[in-house]
């Protein structure tokens, strides 16, 4: 003790209840600060609160099920065929039926970032299920042009999805319950065969290399698109159900890219897919008893 002098008295205090009490206090402060430091600064909740305070929103509640359209032409087709859909004053690029039972989201731009913003807003406003329709490129001739496919799993290389996934997780599955419901719906209505096609979600279309195509194809991914991984990742993170359906619109091989985007096999099948998906949404809304009648 004589060698330590006054420090020996300090060390003697750091024993027993004193040490335990202040160690736990310090640990609590550190842990709280660490957790808070990892929380997002801007959230969909804060954005909507700002819109409400600025008078840009009324008491809007989103439909529980939303049809997501990635192609502008699909959105235009649906709004012309079903004029009963009206634009929402609360969320841009979003349309609902007058009784609010089903919503259509589309024509907001291209890729996962825009989808993430719109999807998070709608989840805060009450949306619980999302079914998306769009086009996808077939890799190495695995699918034919115009094929109907469903996406059971997506590889998160779109620049957004990984932010919603646990560290080290590189892929995400569709909601299995919603996939089962779609399969039952398709069977009951005798729809054409839908092939399973795991998707490589990749946003930089001018950076798709032969090396990458071979890599992802060896992992079992047979189509490329931009948004499925983000749709599924946000669905998992926010505990909402999601599913993606595609029409094969172009072909990517080791030698070339062959587009068929405007051919009837693609455009007509995409419109047909959108009709089926909308019918699925209406049936889903009725089955979940959110609304008394589909004819209202």
Protein backbone atom coordinates (compact mmCIF):
# COMPACT_ATOMS: atom_id res chain seq x y z
CA UNK A 1 0.00 0.00 0.00
CA UNK A 2 2.90 2.37 0.77
CA UNK A 3 4.15 1.98 -2.79
CA UNK A 4 0.76 2.88 -4.29
CA UNK A 5 0.10 5.73 -1.88
CA UNK A 6 -3.26 7.44 -2.58
CA UNK A 7 -3.84 5.19 -5.60
CA UNK A 8 -4.19 2.26 -3.29
CA UNK A 9 -7.20 3.90 -1.65
CA UNK A 10 -8.79 4.46 -5.05
CA UNK A 11 -8.26 0.85 -6.02
CA UNK A 12 -9.78 -0.30 -2.78
CA UNK A 13 -12.96 1.63 -3.61
CA UNK A 14 -13.25 -0.11 -6.96
CA UNK A 15 -14.37 -3.31 -5.31
CA UNK A 16 -17.65 -4.82 -4.29
CA UNK A 17 -20.95 -2.93 -4.76
CA UNK A 18 -19.28 0.32 -5.82
CA UNK A 19 -17.53 -1.26 -8.79
CA UNK A 20 -20.60 -3.26 -9.81
CA UNK A 21 -22.92 -0.26 -9.67
CA UNK A 22 -20.81 2.10 -11.76
CA UNK A 23 -19.63 -0.56 -14.17
CA UNK A 24 -23.25 -1.40 -14.98
CA UNK A 25 -24.10 2.29 -15.36
CA UNK A 26 -21.20 2.84 -17.75
CA UNK A 27 -22.13 -0.27 -19.72
CA UNK A 28 -25.75 0.90 -20.03
CA UNK A 29 -24.71 4.33 -21.29
CA UNK A 30 -22.26 2.83 -23.79
CA UNK A 31 -24.77 0.26 -25.06
CA UNK A 32 -27.54 2.84 -25.47
CA UNK A 33 -25.23 5.18 -27.35
CA UNK A 34 -24.01 2.35 -29.60
CA UNK A 35 -27.55 1.22 -30.48
CA UNK A 36 -28.73 4.79 -31.10
CA UNK A 37 -25.73 5.42 -33.36
CA UNK A 38 -26.88 2.60 -35.64
CA UNK A 39 -30.49 3.79 -35.94
CA UNK A 40 -31.52 5.60 -39.15
CA UNK A 41 -31.69 9.38 -38.86
CA UNK A 42 -34.36 9.82 -41.53
CA UNK A 43 -37.32 7.43 -41.43
CA UNK A 44 -40.55 7.01 -43.36
CA UNK A 45 -42.42 7.88 -40.16
CA UNK A 46 -40.59 11.21 -39.87
CA UNK A 47 -41.16 12.00 -43.54
CA UNK A 48 -44.88 11.38 -43.24
CA UNK A 49 -45.07 13.44 -40.04
CA UNK A 50 -43.45 16.30 -41.94
CA UNK A 51 -45.97 15.96 -44.78
CA UNK A 52 -48.87 15.96 -42.32
CA UNK A 53 -47.55 19.05 -40.54
CA UNK A 54 -47.12 20.80 -43.91
CA UNK A 55 -50.71 19.99 -44.84
CA UNK A 56 -49.79 17.69 -47.72
CA UNK A 57 -51.70 14.68 -46.37
CA UNK A 58 -55.14 13.96 -45.05
CA UNK A 59 -56.07 10.94 -42.94
CA UNK A 60 -54.99 8.55 -45.67
CA UNK A 61 -54.77 4.83 -44.99
CA UNK A 62 -53.13 2.65 -47.60
CA UNK A 63 -54.83 -0.50 -48.86
CA UNK A 64 -53.51 -3.67 -47.29
CA UNK A 65 -52.51 -5.05 -50.70
CA UNK A 66 -50.58 -3.16 -53.38
CA UNK A 67 -49.82 -4.05 -57.00
CA UNK A 68 -46.37 -2.75 -57.97
CA UNK A 69 -45.78 -2.06 -61.68
CA UNK A 70 -42.17 -1.57 -62.77
CA UNK A 71 -42.88 -0.65 -66.41
CA UNK A 72 -44.50 2.68 -67.27
CA UNK A 73 -46.41 1.00 -70.09
CA UNK A 74 -48.00 -1.42 -67.62
CA UNK A 75 -49.15 1.41 -65.38
CA UNK A 76 -50.60 3.28 -68.37
CA UNK A 77 -52.40 0.15 -69.54
CA UNK A 78 -54.00 -0.51 -66.15
CA UNK A 79 -55.13 3.06 -65.55
CA UNK A 80 -56.72 3.21 -69.02
CA UNK A 81 -58.46 -0.13 -68.62
CA UNK A 82 -59.57 0.50 -65.04
CA UNK A 83 -60.48 4.21 -64.83
CA UNK A 84 -62.02 3.65 -61.40
CA UNK A 85 -58.52 3.99 -59.94
CA UNK A 86 -57.85 7.50 -58.65
CA UNK A 87 -54.50 9.15 -57.80
CA UNK A 88 -53.68 9.38 -54.12
CA UNK A 89 -53.18 12.85 -52.66
CA UNK A 90 -50.94 11.41 -49.96
CA UNK A 91 -48.44 9.32 -51.95
CA UNK A 92 -47.27 10.26 -55.43
CA UNK A 93 -47.41 7.65 -58.21
CA UNK A 94 -49.98 5.71 -56.20
CA UNK A 95 -53.58 4.99 -57.22
CA UNK A 96 -56.46 3.43 -55.30
CA UNK A 97 -60.00 2.34 -55.89
CA UNK A 98 -62.65 4.68 -54.50
CA UNK A 99 -63.31 2.39 -51.54
CA UNK A 100 -59.56 1.96 -51.05
CA UNK A 101 -59.48 -1.80 -51.22
CA UNK A 102 -56.56 -2.13 -53.68
CA UNK A 103 -53.67 0.13 -54.62
CA UNK A 104 -51.43 0.37 -57.70
CA UNK A 105 -47.91 1.80 -57.45
CA UNK A 106 -45.88 2.59 -60.56
CA UNK A 107 -44.10 5.02 -62.87
CA UNK A 108 -41.99 6.52 -60.07
CA UNK A 109 -38.71 5.94 -61.90
CA UNK A 110 -36.34 3.00 -62.23
CA UNK A 111 -34.67 0.73 -59.73
CA UNK A 112 -34.48 -0.20 -56.09
CA UNK A 113 -33.91 3.24 -54.43
CA UNK A 114 -37.24 4.65 -55.58
CA UNK A 115 -39.04 1.43 -54.72
CA UNK A 116 -37.59 1.47 -51.20
CA UNK A 117 -38.87 4.99 -50.49
CA UNK A 118 -42.37 4.32 -51.82
CA UNK A 119 -42.63 0.93 -50.17
CA UNK A 120 -41.55 2.19 -46.74
CA UNK A 121 -44.07 5.04 -46.93
CA UNK A 122 -46.89 2.66 -47.81
CA UNK A 123 -45.95 0.23 -45.03
CA UNK A 124 -46.18 3.05 -42.48
CA UNK A 125 -49.58 3.95 -43.95
CA UNK A 126 -50.90 0.41 -43.53
CA UNK A 127 -49.90 -1.70 -46.56
CA UNK A 128 -49.20 -5.33 -45.64
CA UNK A 129 -48.85 -7.19 -48.94
CA UNK A 130 -47.05 -6.31 -52.18
CA UNK A 131 -47.14 -8.21 -55.46
CA UNK A 132 -44.90 -6.86 -58.22
CA UNK A 133 -45.03 -7.39 -61.99
CA UNK A 134 -42.42 -6.48 -64.55
CA UNK A 135 -39.91 -7.70 -67.11
CA UNK A 136 -36.67 -9.59 -66.58
CA UNK A 137 -33.77 -10.64 -68.76
CA UNK A 138 -33.14 -14.33 -69.23
CA UNK A 139 -29.59 -15.50 -68.57
CA UNK A 140 -27.85 -17.96 -70.91
CA UNK A 141 -31.04 -19.05 -72.67
CA UNK A 142 -32.58 -20.62 -69.57
CA UNK A 143 -36.00 -19.16 -70.47
CA UNK A 144 -37.82 -18.27 -73.66
CA UNK A 145 -38.96 -14.77 -74.61
CA UNK A 146 -42.47 -14.14 -73.28
CA UNK A 147 -42.27 -16.82 -70.57
CA UNK A 148 -44.18 -16.24 -67.34
CA UNK A 149 -41.96 -16.72 -64.29
CA UNK A 150 -42.23 -16.27 -60.53
CA UNK A 151 -39.27 -15.32 -58.39
CA UNK A 152 -38.77 -17.48 -55.27
CA UNK A 153 -35.43 -15.89 -54.33
CA UNK A 154 -33.31 -12.86 -55.25
CA UNK A 155 -29.60 -12.08 -55.05
CA UNK A 156 -29.07 -8.72 -53.36
CA UNK A 157 -26.64 -6.85 -55.61
CA UNK A 158 -28.85 -3.85 -56.40
CA UNK A 159 -27.15 -1.46 -53.98
CA UNK A 160 -30.15 -1.19 -51.62
CA UNK A 161 -31.36 -4.61 -50.49
CA UNK A 162 -28.21 -5.43 -48.51
CA UNK A 163 -28.94 -2.48 -46.20
CA UNK A 164 -32.09 -4.25 -45.00
CA UNK A 165 -30.48 -7.68 -44.63
CA UNK A 166 -28.48 -9.09 -41.71
CA UNK A 167 -24.72 -8.73 -42.09
CA UNK A 168 -23.34 -11.44 -44.34
CA UNK A 169 -26.66 -12.36 -45.96
CA UNK A 170 -26.56 -11.94 -49.73
CA UNK A 171 -29.95 -13.27 -50.84
CA UNK A 172 -33.57 -13.16 -49.72
CA UNK A 173 -36.64 -15.28 -50.44
CA UNK A 174 -40.16 -14.30 -51.41
CA UNK A 175 -42.84 -14.66 -48.76
CA UNK A 176 -43.75 -18.35 -48.84
CA UNK A 177 -47.37 -17.79 -47.79
CA UNK A 178 -47.94 -15.29 -50.58
CA UNK A 179 -46.24 -17.59 -53.08
CA UNK A 180 -48.57 -20.40 -52.03
CA UNK A 181 -51.59 -18.12 -52.42
CA UNK A 182 -50.48 -17.12 -55.92
CA UNK A 183 -49.91 -20.75 -56.90
CA UNK A 184 -53.41 -21.64 -55.72
CA UNK A 185 -54.88 -18.63 -57.53
CA UNK A 186 -53.11 -19.57 -60.78
CA UNK A 187 -54.24 -23.17 -60.54
CA UNK A 188 -57.88 -22.28 -59.79
CA UNK A 189 -58.01 -19.98 -62.82
CA UNK A 190 -56.08 -22.34 -65.11
CA UNK A 191 -53.39 -19.76 -65.85
CA UNK A 192 -50.43 -20.70 -68.05
CA UNK A 193 -47.48 -22.41 -66.41
CA UNK A 194 -45.22 -20.11 -64.37
CA UNK A 195 -41.60 -21.25 -64.20
CA UNK A 196 -39.54 -20.63 -61.06
CA UNK A 197 -36.71 -18.19 -61.76
CA UNK A 198 -34.35 -16.95 -59.07
CA UNK A 199 -33.39 -13.34 -59.84
CA UNK A 200 -30.10 -11.54 -59.86
CA UNK A 201 -31.10 -8.05 -58.67
CA UNK A 202 -28.53 -5.72 -60.20
CA UNK A 203 -29.09 -2.03 -60.93
CA UNK A 204 -26.13 -1.12 -63.15
CA UNK A 205 -27.39 -2.52 -66.43
CA UNK A 206 -24.37 -1.24 -68.36
CA UNK A 207 -22.02 -3.11 -66.01
CA UNK A 208 -23.37 -6.63 -66.49
CA UNK A 209 -20.28 -8.62 -67.50
CA UNK A 210 -19.86 -12.14 -68.84
CA UNK A 211 -17.95 -12.97 -65.67
CA UNK A 212 -20.87 -11.85 -63.49
CA UNK A 213 -23.47 -13.61 -65.62
CA UNK A 214 -21.56 -16.88 -65.38
CA UNK A 215 -21.04 -16.38 -61.65
CA UNK A 216 -24.68 -15.81 -60.76
CA UNK A 217 -25.91 -18.45 -63.20
CA UNK A 218 -23.65 -21.01 -61.51
CA UNK A 219 -25.38 -20.04 -58.25
CA UNK A 220 -28.75 -20.91 -59.77
CA UNK A 221 -29.98 -17.44 -60.79
CA UNK A 222 -31.59 -17.51 -64.23
CA UNK A 223 -32.92 -13.95 -64.70
CA UNK A 224 -31.66 -10.43 -64.07
CA UNK A 225 -33.74 -7.42 -62.98
CA UNK A 226 -33.42 -4.50 -60.57
CA UNK A 227 -35.86 -4.60 -57.68
CA UNK A 228 -36.89 -8.06 -56.42
CA UNK A 229 -34.21 -8.28 -53.72
CA UNK A 230 -35.17 -4.89 -52.28
CA UNK A 231 -38.87 -5.78 -52.38
CA UNK A 232 -38.18 -8.99 -50.46
CA UNK A 233 -35.64 -7.48 -48.07
CA UNK A 234 -37.95 -4.65 -47.01
CA UNK A 235 -40.77 -7.15 -46.76
CA UNK A 236 -38.73 -9.25 -44.34
CA UNK A 237 -37.48 -6.23 -42.40
CA UNK A 238 -40.93 -4.63 -42.05
CA UNK A 239 -42.80 -7.94 -41.66
CA UNK A 240 -44.96 -7.52 -44.77
CA UNK A 241 -45.53 -10.12 -47.48
CA UNK A 242 -44.00 -9.83 -50.95
CA UNK A 243 -43.86 -11.63 -54.30
CA UNK A 244 -42.42 -10.82 -57.74
CA UNK A 245 -43.70 -12.05 -61.13
CA UNK A 246 -41.95 -11.43 -64.45
CA UNK A 247 -42.18 -11.74 -68.21
CA UNK A 248 -38.92 -12.64 -69.97
CA UNK A 249 -38.26 -9.66 -72.23
CA UNK A 250 -34.66 -10.04 -73.36
CA UNK A 251 -31.84 -12.54 -73.51
CA UNK A 252 -28.28 -12.27 -72.20
CA UNK A 253 -25.68 -14.80 -73.30
CA UNK A 254 -21.88 -14.88 -73.28
CA UNK A 255 -21.90 -13.44 -76.79
CA UNK A 256 -24.64 -10.84 -76.86
CA UNK A 257 -27.71 -9.07 -75.45
CA UNK A 258 -30.86 -9.56 -77.52
CA UNK A 259 -33.81 -7.30 -76.61
CA UNK A 260 -37.42 -8.18 -77.40
CA UNK A 261 -38.99 -5.48 -75.22
CA UNK A 262 -41.61 -4.28 -77.74
CA UNK A 263 -42.55 -7.57 -79.28
CA UNK A 264 -46.17 -8.76 -78.83
CA UNK A 265 -45.01 -11.86 -76.96
CA UNK A 266 -43.67 -9.52 -74.28
CA UNK A 267 -46.08 -6.57 -74.23
CA UNK A 268 -49.26 -8.64 -74.47
CA UNK A 269 -48.11 -11.14 -71.88
CA UNK A 270 -47.06 -8.34 -69.54
CA UNK A 271 -50.50 -6.73 -69.80
CA UNK A 272 -52.12 -10.10 -69.20
CA UNK A 273 -49.90 -10.64 -66.18
CA UNK A 274 -50.92 -7.25 -64.78
CA UNK A 275 -54.60 -8.14 -65.21
CA UNK A 276 -54.12 -11.42 -63.35
CA UNK A 277 -52.14 -9.73 -60.60
CA UNK A 278 -54.85 -7.11 -60.14
CA UNK A 279 -57.49 -9.84 -59.98
CA UNK A 280 -55.35 -11.57 -57.36
CA UNK A 281 -55.21 -8.34 -55.33
CA UNK A 282 -58.98 -7.95 -55.40
CA UNK A 283 -59.48 -11.58 -54.36
CA UNK A 284 -56.90 -11.14 -51.61
CA UNK A 285 -58.63 -8.03 -50.27
CA UNK A 286 -61.94 -9.87 -50.14
CA UNK A 287 -60.42 -12.98 -48.56
CA UNK A 288 -58.82 -10.89 -45.83
CA UNK A 289 -62.21 -9.22 -45.18
CA UNK A 290 -60.81 -5.74 -45.40
CA UNK A 291 -63.81 -4.72 -47.51
CA UNK A 292 -67.39 -6.00 -47.64
CA UNK A 293 -67.71 -6.35 -51.41
CA UNK A 294 -65.66 -6.24 -54.57
CA UNK A 295 -68.54 -4.57 -56.40
CA UNK A 296 -68.71 -1.49 -54.18
